Amino acid sequence: MLWVLAPIVLALLWLAMLGPGGAPDPVGRSGCSGACSMVYDPVACVFADGDARGFGSRCEAERYACEHRTRLVRCDREVR
């Protein structure tokens, strides 16, 4: 009986990991978007906790803020 249920349970677990469109959900387990474009547009950002960092794009800075549960205060373009 278990050998009949095991494939069904595995299939249900696999389907639960997929998004509604049948593809993996781009939002990670943290609830933060993990998909940023590969366009390099460097920014220097300041966060609510006083931390200042440089990123390859504003999207990466926003993802960092979400993952670290802090607020993005300001981003300026870095001089290349």
Protein backbone atom coordinates (compact mmCIF):
# COMPACT_ATOMS: atom_id res chain seq x y z
CA MET A 1 0.00 0.00 0.00
CA LEU A 2 2.87 2.42 0.81
CA TRP A 3 4.48 1.87 -2.57
CA VAL A 4 1.27 3.18 -4.16
CA LEU A 5 1.07 6.31 -1.99
CA ALA A 6 4.76 7.26 -2.11
CA PRO A 7 4.77 8.46 -5.77
CA ILE A 8 1.56 10.42 -5.20
CA VAL A 9 2.99 12.15 -2.13
CA LEU A 10 6.22 12.96 -3.99
CA ALA A 11 4.27 14.36 -6.94
CA LEU A 12 2.18 16.56 -4.63
CA LEU A 13 5.30 17.86 -2.89
CA TRP A 14 6.89 18.64 -6.26
CA LEU A 15 3.76 20.49 -7.43
CA ALA A 16 3.67 22.46 -4.18
CA MET A 17 7.15 23.82 -4.95
CA LEU A 18 5.98 25.16 -8.33
CA GLY A 19 4.29 28.49 -8.81
CA PRO A 20 0.75 28.79 -10.22
CA GLY A 21 2.07 28.90 -13.81
CA GLY A 22 3.91 25.61 -13.45
CA ALA A 23 7.32 27.23 -13.05
CA PRO A 24 9.30 27.83 -9.88
CA ASP A 25 8.21 30.94 -8.01
CA PRO A 26 10.78 33.77 -8.49
CA VAL A 27 10.13 35.00 -4.97
CA GLY A 28 12.35 33.19 -2.50
CA ARG A 29 11.33 31.71 0.82
CA SER A 30 12.09 35.09 2.43
CA GLY A 31 9.31 36.67 0.35
CA CYS A 32 11.80 38.91 -1.44
CA SER A 33 12.14 38.96 -5.20
CA GLY A 34 15.25 37.16 -6.34
CA ALA A 35 15.14 38.26 -9.98
CA CYS A 36 17.08 41.37 -11.01
CA SER A 37 18.19 42.11 -14.54
CA MET A 38 21.83 41.69 -15.45
CA VAL A 39 22.12 45.36 -16.47
CA TYR A 40 24.99 46.99 -14.61
CA ASP A 41 23.91 50.41 -13.33
CA PRO A 42 25.88 50.89 -10.09
CA VAL A 43 24.36 52.72 -7.13
CA ALA A 44 25.49 53.70 -3.65
CA CYS A 45 22.70 53.28 -1.11
CA VAL A 46 22.02 54.21 2.49
CA PHE A 47 19.70 52.12 4.65
CA ALA A 48 17.57 52.98 7.70
CA ASP A 49 19.98 51.15 9.99
CA GLY A 50 22.80 53.52 8.90
CA ASP A 51 24.51 50.97 6.67
CA ALA A 52 25.89 52.29 3.35
CA ARG A 53 26.74 49.92 0.50
CA GLY A 54 27.33 49.80 -3.22
CA PHE A 55 25.32 47.57 -5.57
CA GLY A 56 25.31 46.72 -9.25
CA SER A 57 21.75 48.04 -9.60
CA ARG A 58 18.92 49.54 -7.57
CA CYS A 59 17.05 46.24 -7.82
CA GLU A 60 19.89 44.49 -5.98
CA ALA A 61 19.78 47.17 -3.27
CA GLU A 62 16.02 46.73 -2.85
CA ARG A 63 16.44 42.96 -2.62
CA TYR A 64 19.17 43.43 0.03
CA ALA A 65 16.87 45.73 2.03
CA CYS A 66 14.05 43.20 1.88
CA GLU A 67 16.24 40.25 2.86
CA HIS A 68 17.79 42.18 5.76
CA ARG A 69 14.45 43.65 6.84
CA THR A 70 15.63 47.23 6.63
CA ARG A 71 14.37 50.24 4.69
CA LEU A 72 16.17 51.78 1.75
CA VAL A 73 16.59 55.51 2.51
CA ARG A 74 18.50 56.78 -0.51
CA CYS A 75 20.34 55.54 -3.60
CA ASP A 76 22.61 57.66 -5.78
CA ARG A 77 24.28 56.69 -9.02
CA GLU A 78 27.93 55.91 -8.58
CA VAL A 79 30.38 57.77 -10.77
CA ARG A 80 31.97 55.34 -13.21
